[in-house]
C-alpha atoms as a PDB file:
ATOM      1  CA  MET A   1     -12.250   7.356  11.674  1.00  0.00           C
ATOM      2  CA  ILE A   2      -8.567   6.383  11.725  1.00  0.00           C
ATOM      3  CA  LYS A   3      -6.685   8.031  14.564  1.00  0.00           C
ATOM      4  CA  GLN A   4      -3.360   9.675  13.910  1.00  0.00           C
ATOM      5  CA  ASP A   5      -1.606   7.216  16.221  1.00  0.00           C
ATOM      6  CA  PHE A   6      -1.947   4.584  13.468  1.00  0.00           C
ATOM      7  CA  ASN A   7       0.187   1.549  14.269  1.00  0.00           C
ATOM      8  CA  LEU A   8       1.362  -0.606  11.385  1.00  0.00           C
ATOM      9  CA  ASP A   9       1.784  -3.469  13.850  1.00  0.00           C
ATOM     10  CA  ASP A  10      -2.004  -3.766  13.858  1.00  0.00           C
ATOM     11  CA  HIS A  11      -1.895  -4.838  10.196  1.00  0.00           C
ATOM     12  CA  PHE A  12       0.084  -7.305   8.135  1.00  0.00           C
ATOM     13  CA  PRO A  13       2.309  -4.689   6.448  1.00  0.00           C
ATOM     14  CA  LEU A  14       1.798  -5.669   2.823  1.00  0.00           C
ATOM     15  CA  ILE A  15      -0.605  -3.581   0.736  1.00  0.00           C
ATOM     16  CA  ALA A  16      -2.364  -5.563  -1.976  1.00  0.00           C
ATOM     17  CA  ILE A  17      -2.625  -3.429  -5.126  1.00  0.00           C
ATOM     18  CA  LEU A  18      -5.525  -4.712  -7.229  1.00  0.00           C
ATOM     19  CA  ARG A  19      -4.799  -2.848 -10.433  1.00  0.00           C
ATOM     20  CA  GLY A  20      -7.294  -3.754 -13.132  1.00  0.00           C
ATOM     21  CA  VAL A  21      -9.749  -5.541 -10.848  1.00  0.00           C
ATOM     22  CA  GLU A  22     -13.386  -5.228 -11.889  1.00  0.00           C
ATOM     23  CA  PRO A  23     -16.350  -4.819  -9.528  1.00  0.00           C
ATOM     24  CA  VAL A  24     -17.674  -8.266 -10.404  1.00  0.00           C
ATOM     25  CA  ASN A  25     -14.468  -9.838  -9.079  1.00  0.00           C
ATOM     26  CA  CYS A  26     -13.312  -7.487  -6.327  1.00  0.00           C
ATOM     27  CA  ILE A  27     -15.039  -9.148  -3.361  1.00  0.00           C
ATOM     28  CA  ARG A  28     -13.895 -12.625  -4.332  1.00  0.00           C
ATOM     29  CA  VAL A  29     -10.300 -11.523  -4.823  1.00  0.00           C
ATOM     30  CA  ALA A  30     -10.267  -9.572  -1.547  1.00  0.00           C
ATOM     31  CA  GLU A  31     -11.662 -12.545   0.351  1.00  0.00           C
ATOM     32  CA  ILE A  32      -8.794 -14.714  -0.913  1.00  0.00           C
ATOM     33  CA  LEU A  33      -6.237 -12.146   0.196  1.00  0.00           C
ATOM     34  CA  ILE A  34      -7.854 -11.644   3.597  1.00  0.00           C
ATOM     35  CA  GLU A  35      -7.930 -15.406   4.120  1.00  0.00           C
ATOM     36  CA  GLU A  36      -4.170 -15.391   3.495  1.00  0.00           C
ATOM     37  CA  GLY A  37      -3.544 -12.692   6.089  1.00  0.00           C
ATOM     38  CA  PHE A  38      -3.747  -9.431   4.131  1.00  0.00           C
ATOM     39  CA  SER A  39      -5.549  -6.534   5.785  1.00  0.00           C
ATOM     40  CA  MET A  40      -4.662  -3.573   3.521  1.00  0.00           C
ATOM     41  CA  ILE A  41      -6.178  -3.492   0.049  1.00  0.00           C
ATOM     42  CA  GLU A  42      -6.106  -0.723  -2.538  1.00  0.00           C
ATOM     43  CA  VAL A  43      -7.866  -0.447  -5.872  1.00  0.00           C
ATOM     44  CA  PRO A  44      -5.963   1.948  -8.163  1.00  0.00           C
ATOM     45  CA  LEU A  45      -8.249   4.581  -9.630  1.00  0.00           C
ATOM     46  CA  ASN A  46      -7.194   3.658 -13.167  1.00  0.00           C
ATOM     47  CA  SER A  47      -8.921   0.288 -12.718  1.00  0.00           C
ATOM     48  CA  PRO A  48     -12.303  -0.285 -14.403  1.00  0.00           C
ATOM     49  CA  ASP A  49     -15.056   1.440 -12.381  1.00  0.00           C
ATOM     50  CA  ALA A  50     -12.686   1.666  -9.428  1.00  0.00           C
ATOM     51  CA  LEU A  51     -14.953   3.684  -7.141  1.00  0.00           C
ATOM     52  CA  THR A  52     -17.659   1.037  -7.428  1.00  0.00           C
ATOM     53  CA  SER A  53     -15.185  -1.658  -6.415  1.00  0.00           C
ATOM     54  CA  ILE A  54     -13.968   0.417  -3.476  1.00  0.00           C
ATOM     55  CA  GLN A  55     -17.526   1.088  -2.326  1.00  0.00           C
ATOM     56  CA  MET A  56     -18.326  -2.630  -2.491  1.00  0.00           C
ATOM     57  CA  LEU A  57     -15.210  -3.529  -0.520  1.00  0.00           C
ATOM     58  CA  VAL A  58     -15.938  -0.904   2.130  1.00  0.00           C
ATOM     59  CA  GLU A  59     -19.506  -2.130   2.538  1.00  0.00           C
ATOM     60  CA  LYS A  60     -18.406  -5.770   2.725  1.00  0.00           C
ATOM     61  CA  PHE A  61     -15.413  -5.480   5.034  1.00  0.00           C
ATOM     62  CA  GLY A  62     -16.173  -2.336   7.017  1.00  0.00           C
ATOM     63  CA  SER A  63     -13.563  -0.681   9.202  1.00  0.00           C
ATOM     64  CA  LYS A  64     -11.761  -3.846  10.332  1.00  0.00           C
ATOM     65  CA  TYR A  65      -9.434  -3.604   7.354  1.00  0.00           C
ATOM     66  CA  LEU A  66      -7.748  -0.763   5.498  1.00  0.00           C
ATOM     67  CA  ILE A  67      -9.643  -0.473   2.224  1.00  0.00           C
ATOM     68  CA  GLY A  68      -9.204   2.283  -0.292  1.00  0.00           C
ATOM     69  CA  ALA A  69      -7.632   3.609  -3.448  1.00  0.00           C
ATOM     70  CA  GLY A  70      -4.291   3.947  -5.130  1.00  0.00           C
ATOM     71  CA  THR A  71      -3.202   6.299  -7.899  1.00  0.00           C
ATOM     72  CA  VAL A  72      -4.920   9.175  -6.122  1.00  0.00           C
ATOM     73  CA  THR A  73      -3.320  12.193  -7.780  1.00  0.00           C
ATOM     74  CA  THR A  74      -5.681  15.155  -7.248  1.00  0.00           C
ATOM     75  CA  PRO A  75      -7.891  16.558  -4.472  1.00  0.00           C
ATOM     76  CA  ASP A  76     -11.008  15.847  -6.554  1.00  0.00           C
ATOM     77  CA  LYS A  77     -10.037  12.191  -6.817  1.00  0.00           C
ATOM     78  CA  ALA A  78      -9.251  12.054  -3.112  1.00  0.00           C
ATOM     79  CA  LEU A  79     -12.668  13.485  -2.276  1.00  0.00           C
ATOM     80  CA  ALA A  80     -14.398  10.897  -4.472  1.00  0.00           C
ATOM     81  CA  VAL A  81     -12.557   8.118  -2.655  1.00  0.00           C
ATOM     82  CA  ILE A  82     -13.303   9.565   0.780  1.00  0.00           C
ATOM     83  CA  GLU A  83     -16.997   9.697  -0.095  1.00  0.00           C
ATOM     84  CA  THR A  84     -17.034   5.905  -0.524  1.00  0.00           C
ATOM     85  CA  GLY A  85     -16.150   5.526   3.157  1.00  0.00           C
ATOM     86  CA  ALA A  86     -12.625   4.322   2.348  1.00  0.00           C
ATOM     87  CA  ASN A  87      -9.961   4.631   5.039  1.00  0.00           C
ATOM     88  CA  LEU A  88      -6.836   4.187   2.909  1.00  0.00           C
ATOM     89  CA  ILE A  89      -5.422   6.519   0.258  1.00  0.00           C
ATOM     90  CA  VAL A  90      -2.193   5.780  -1.593  1.00  0.00           C
ATOM     91  CA  THR A  91      -0.610   8.147  -4.081  1.00  0.00           C
ATOM     92  CA  PRO A  92       2.070   7.638  -6.748  1.00  0.00           C
ATOM     93  CA  ASN A  93       3.381  11.172  -6.165  1.00  0.00           C
ATOM     94  CA  PHE A  94       3.426  13.840  -3.492  1.00  0.00           C
ATOM     95  CA  ASN A  95       0.494  16.236  -3.640  1.00  0.00           C
ATOM     96  CA  GLU A  96       0.216  18.333  -0.497  1.00  0.00           C
ATOM     97  CA  GLN A  97      -3.523  18.918  -0.845  1.00  0.00           C
ATOM     98  CA  VAL A  98      -4.249  15.227  -1.315  1.00  0.00           C
ATOM     99  CA  VAL A  99      -2.250  14.274   1.777  1.00  0.00           C
ATOM    100  CA  LYS A 100      -3.768  16.975   3.982  1.00  0.00           C
ATOM    101  CA  MET A 101      -7.308  16.225   2.826  1.00  0.00           C
ATOM    102  CA  SER A 102      -6.890  12.480   3.327  1.00  0.00           C
ATOM    103  CA  VAL A 103      -5.493  12.810   6.835  1.00  0.00           C
ATOM    104  CA  ALA A 104      -8.090  15.428   7.819  1.00  0.00           C
ATOM    105  CA  GLU A 105     -10.826  12.992   6.811  1.00  0.00           C
ATOM    106  CA  GLY A 106      -9.344  10.216   8.931  1.00  0.00           C
ATOM    107  CA  CYS A 107      -7.694   8.163   6.208  1.00  0.00           C
ATOM    108  CA  VAL A 108      -4.367   6.423   6.436  1.00  0.00           C
ATOM    109  CA  CYS A 109      -2.303   8.018   3.672  1.00  0.00           C
ATOM    110  CA  PHE A 110       0.848   6.661   2.081  1.00  0.00           C
ATOM    111  CA  ALA A 111       2.343   9.296  -0.189  1.00  0.00           C
ATOM    112  CA  GLY A 112       4.462   8.354  -3.184  1.00  0.00           C
ATOM    113  CA  VAL A 113       7.999   9.715  -2.963  1.00  0.00           C
ATOM    114  CA  VAL A 114      11.407   9.059  -4.481  1.00  0.00           C
ATOM    115  CA  THR A 115      13.574  11.922  -3.172  1.00  0.00           C
ATOM    116  CA  PRO A 116      14.377  13.294   0.299  1.00  0.00           C
ATOM    117  CA  THR A 117      12.660  16.580  -0.591  1.00  0.00           C
ATOM    118  CA  GLU A 118       9.425  14.766  -1.455  1.00  0.00           C
ATOM    119  CA  ALA A 119       9.724  12.531   1.590  1.00  0.00           C
ATOM    120  CA  PHE A 120      10.127  15.334   4.103  1.00  0.00           C
ATOM    121  CA  SER A 121       7.416  17.407   2.409  1.00  0.00           C
ATOM    122  CA  ALA A 122       4.997  14.473   2.605  1.00  0.00           C
ATOM    123  CA  LEU A 123       5.750  13.925   6.275  1.00  0.00           C
ATOM    124  CA  ALA A 124       5.330  17.639   7.008  1.00  0.00           C
ATOM    125  CA  ALA A 125       1.903  17.499   5.308  1.00  0.00           C
ATOM    126  CA  GLY A 126       0.899  14.699   7.675  1.00  0.00           C
ATOM    127  CA  ALA A 127       1.359  11.544   5.590  1.00  0.00           C
ATOM    128  CA  THR A 128       1.017   8.356   7.619  1.00  0.00           C
ATOM    129  CA  GLY A 129       3.973   6.882   5.793  1.00  0.00           C
ATOM    130  CA  LEU A 130       5.876   6.848   2.546  1.00  0.00           C
ATOM    131  CA  LYS A 131       5.361   4.762  -0.562  1.00  0.00           C
ATOM    132  CA  VAL A 132       8.853   4.643  -2.058  1.00  0.00           C
ATOM    133  CA  PHE A 133       8.008   4.368  -5.744  1.00  0.00           C
ATOM    134  CA  PRO A 134       9.347   3.135  -8.022  1.00  0.00           C
ATOM    135  CA  VAL A 135      11.888   1.475  -5.772  1.00  0.00           C
ATOM    136  CA  SER A 136      13.164  -0.490  -8.765  1.00  0.00           C
ATOM    137  CA  SER A 137      14.684   2.726 -10.133  1.00  0.00           C
ATOM    138  CA  LEU A 138      16.244   3.658  -6.792  1.00  0.00           C
ATOM    139  CA  GLY A 139      17.632   0.217  -6.111  1.00  0.00           C
ATOM    140  CA  LEU A 140      19.063  -0.832  -2.770  1.00  0.00           C
ATOM    141  CA  ASP A 141      21.707   1.902  -2.728  1.00  0.00           C
ATOM    142  CA  GLY A 142      19.139   4.612  -3.394  1.00  0.00           C
ATOM    143  CA  PHE A 143      16.741   3.242  -0.807  1.00  0.00           C
ATOM    144  CA  LYS A 144      19.565   3.027   1.742  1.00  0.00           C
ATOM    145  CA  ALA A 145      20.513   6.646   1.092  1.00  0.00           C
ATOM    146  CA  LEU A 146      16.901   7.805   1.479  1.00  0.00           C
ATOM    147  CA  LYS A 147      16.416   5.844   4.693  1.00  0.00           C
ATOM    148  CA  SER A 148      19.653   7.224   6.129  1.00  0.00           C
ATOM    149  CA  VAL A 149      18.242  10.752   6.313  1.00  0.00           C
ATOM    150  CA  LEU A 150      14.729   9.871   7.537  1.00  0.00           C
ATOM    151  CA  PRO A 151      13.700   9.423  11.168  1.00  0.00           C
ATOM    152  CA  THR A 152      13.895   5.720  12.029  1.00  0.00           C
ATOM    153  CA  GLU A 153      10.213   5.552  12.960  1.00  0.00           C
ATOM    154  CA  VAL A 154       8.992   6.656   9.514  1.00  0.00           C
ATOM    155  CA  ILE A 155       7.049   3.916   7.745  1.00  0.00           C
ATOM    156  CA  CYS A 156       8.639   3.252   4.350  1.00  0.00           C
ATOM    157  CA  LEU A 157       6.951   0.824   1.964  1.00  0.00           C
ATOM    158  CA  PRO A 158       8.948   0.049  -1.191  1.00  0.00           C
ATOM    159  CA  VAL A 159       6.739  -0.476  -4.237  1.00  0.00           C
ATOM    160  CA  GLY A 160       7.624  -1.606  -7.743  1.00  0.00           C
ATOM    161  CA  GLY A 161       9.439  -4.747  -8.810  1.00  0.00           C
ATOM    162  CA  VAL A 162       9.135  -6.609  -5.499  1.00  0.00           C
ATOM    163  CA  ASN A 163       8.821 -10.372  -5.942  1.00  0.00           C
ATOM    164  CA  PRO A 164       7.492 -13.048  -3.559  1.00  0.00           C
ATOM    165  CA  SER A 165      10.853 -14.290  -2.358  1.00  0.00           C
ATOM    166  CA  VAL A 166      13.182 -13.724   0.555  1.00  0.00           C
ATOM    167  CA  GLU A 167      15.896 -12.761  -1.913  1.00  0.00           C
ATOM    168  CA  SER A 168      13.736  -9.893  -3.208  1.00  0.00           C
ATOM    169  CA  MET A 169      12.308  -8.682   0.114  1.00  0.00           C
ATOM    170  CA  LYS A 170      14.956  -9.228   2.770  1.00  0.00           C
ATOM    171  CA  PRO A 171      17.527  -6.700   1.470  1.00  0.00           C
ATOM    172  CA  TYR A 172      14.929  -3.929   1.817  1.00  0.00           C
ATOM    173  CA  VAL A 173      13.794  -5.194   5.219  1.00  0.00           C
ATOM    174  CA  ASP A 174      17.435  -5.176   6.337  1.00  0.00           C
ATOM    175  CA  LEU A 175      17.619  -1.497   5.346  1.00  0.00           C
ATOM    176  CA  GLY A 176      14.501  -0.590   7.312  1.00  0.00           C
ATOM    177  CA  ALA A 177      11.514  -1.228   5.061  1.00  0.00           C
ATOM    178  CA  LYS A 178       8.468  -1.751   7.279  1.00  0.00           C
ATOM    179  CA  GLY A 179       6.470  -3.505   4.572  1.00  0.00           C
ATOM    180  CA  PHE A 180       5.738  -3.389   0.840  1.00  0.00           C
ATOM    181  CA  GLY A 181       3.122  -2.484  -1.715  1.00  0.00           C
ATOM    182  CA  LEU A 182       2.522  -5.408  -4.063  1.00  0.00           C
ATOM    183  CA  GLY A 183       1.182  -5.057  -7.589  1.00  0.00           C
ATOM    184  CA  ALA A 184       1.451  -7.325 -10.603  1.00  0.00           C
ATOM    185  CA  SER A 185       3.548  -9.933  -8.808  1.00  0.00           C
ATOM    186  CA  LEU A 186       0.579 -10.504  -6.493  1.00  0.00           C
ATOM    187  CA  PHE A 187      -2.470  -9.778  -8.646  1.00  0.00           C
ATOM    188  CA  LYS A 188      -3.280  -9.440 -12.318  1.00  0.00           C
ATOM    189  CA  PRO A 189      -6.832  -9.602 -13.691  1.00  0.00           C
ATOM    190  CA  ASN A 190      -6.078 -12.716 -15.763  1.00  0.00           C
ATOM    191  CA  LEU A 191      -4.883 -14.809 -12.811  1.00  0.00           C
ATOM    192  CA  SER A 192      -6.983 -17.660 -11.486  1.00  0.00           C
ATOM    193  CA  ASP A 193      -8.117 -17.680  -7.875  1.00  0.00           C
ATOM    194  CA  GLU A 194      -5.584 -20.396  -7.114  1.00  0.00           C
ATOM    195  CA  GLU A 195      -2.760 -18.387  -8.665  1.00  0.00           C
ATOM    196  CA  ILE A 196      -3.724 -15.352  -6.579  1.00  0.00           C
ATOM    197  CA  ARG A 197      -3.797 -17.499  -3.449  1.00  0.00           C
ATOM    198  CA  THR A 198      -0.426 -19.028  -4.280  1.00  0.00           C
ATOM    199  CA  ASN A 199       1.113 -15.587  -4.762  1.00  0.00           C
ATOM    200  CA  ALA A 200      -0.429 -14.321  -1.517  1.00  0.00           C
ATOM    201  CA  LYS A 201       0.926 -17.283   0.437  1.00  0.00           C
ATOM    202  CA  ALA A 202       4.385 -16.823  -1.070  1.00  0.00           C
ATOM    203  CA  PHE A 203       4.500 -13.125  -0.186  1.00  0.00           C
ATOM    204  CA  HIS A 204       3.207 -13.767   3.329  1.00  0.00           C
ATOM    205  CA  THR A 205       5.772 -16.485   3.974  1.00  0.00           C
ATOM    206  CA  SER A 206       8.677 -14.631   2.378  1.00  0.00           C
ATOM    207  CA  PHE A 207       8.002 -11.419   4.282  1.00  0.00           C
ATOM    208  CA  LYS A 208       7.712 -13.172   7.638  1.00  0.00           C
ATOM    209  CA  GLU A 209      10.921 -15.071   6.965  1.00  0.00           C
ATOM    210  CA  SER A 210      12.680 -11.857   5.921  1.00  0.00           C
ATOM    211  CA  VAL A 211      11.651 -10.137   9.140  1.00  0.00           C
ATOM    212  CA  ARG A 212      12.433 -13.167  11.334  1.00  0.00           C
ATOM    213  CA  SER A 213      15.929 -13.563   9.901  1.00  0.00           C
ATOM    214  CA  ASN A 214      16.528  -9.845  10.415  1.00  0.00           C
ATOM    215  CA  VAL A 215      15.878 -10.016  14.169  1.00  0.00           C
END
């Protein structure tokens, strides 16, 4: 079970979003990402047979990594994910029941928010951190405004439109982003293994450089 004193420093703070991955490919793709330093992997529930993929990943990689689901929008869906043994639940929206259920069952939960009202409600419900989504619609000014009213220790992960470059990542890091959720710019089902590895390396390098230059 994940304790509530979850520390993002224990993980490379980029969540790999494997939207569209199929069970036949999920282990291979996850192994590539883990080899490149990723330790948080989500399979969105609108992927083909997502619960099977999550179950396979949990059984393969155990509790050493954060493995779970994205696009978790209802308590019923959250329960189905929890029953796989997953320890990570990511939502695109704020649903109080989903957050409370996830945390009560020992999962790390990043709740999707875009407004201060949603953000503070998610934190009050016990969310581990905030998935700021879609950050592409907020932009840097919107993200800066949101961060300005949140406690500095709150984990904010921008998601949506983030590319594997310092130019894309550093401005958000400078404003206090603790990490990112990475979707199509990291993984798409039609990518080759080498393309996935190349993307993973680029994100890993760009994030570390963004953080290093911010110190």
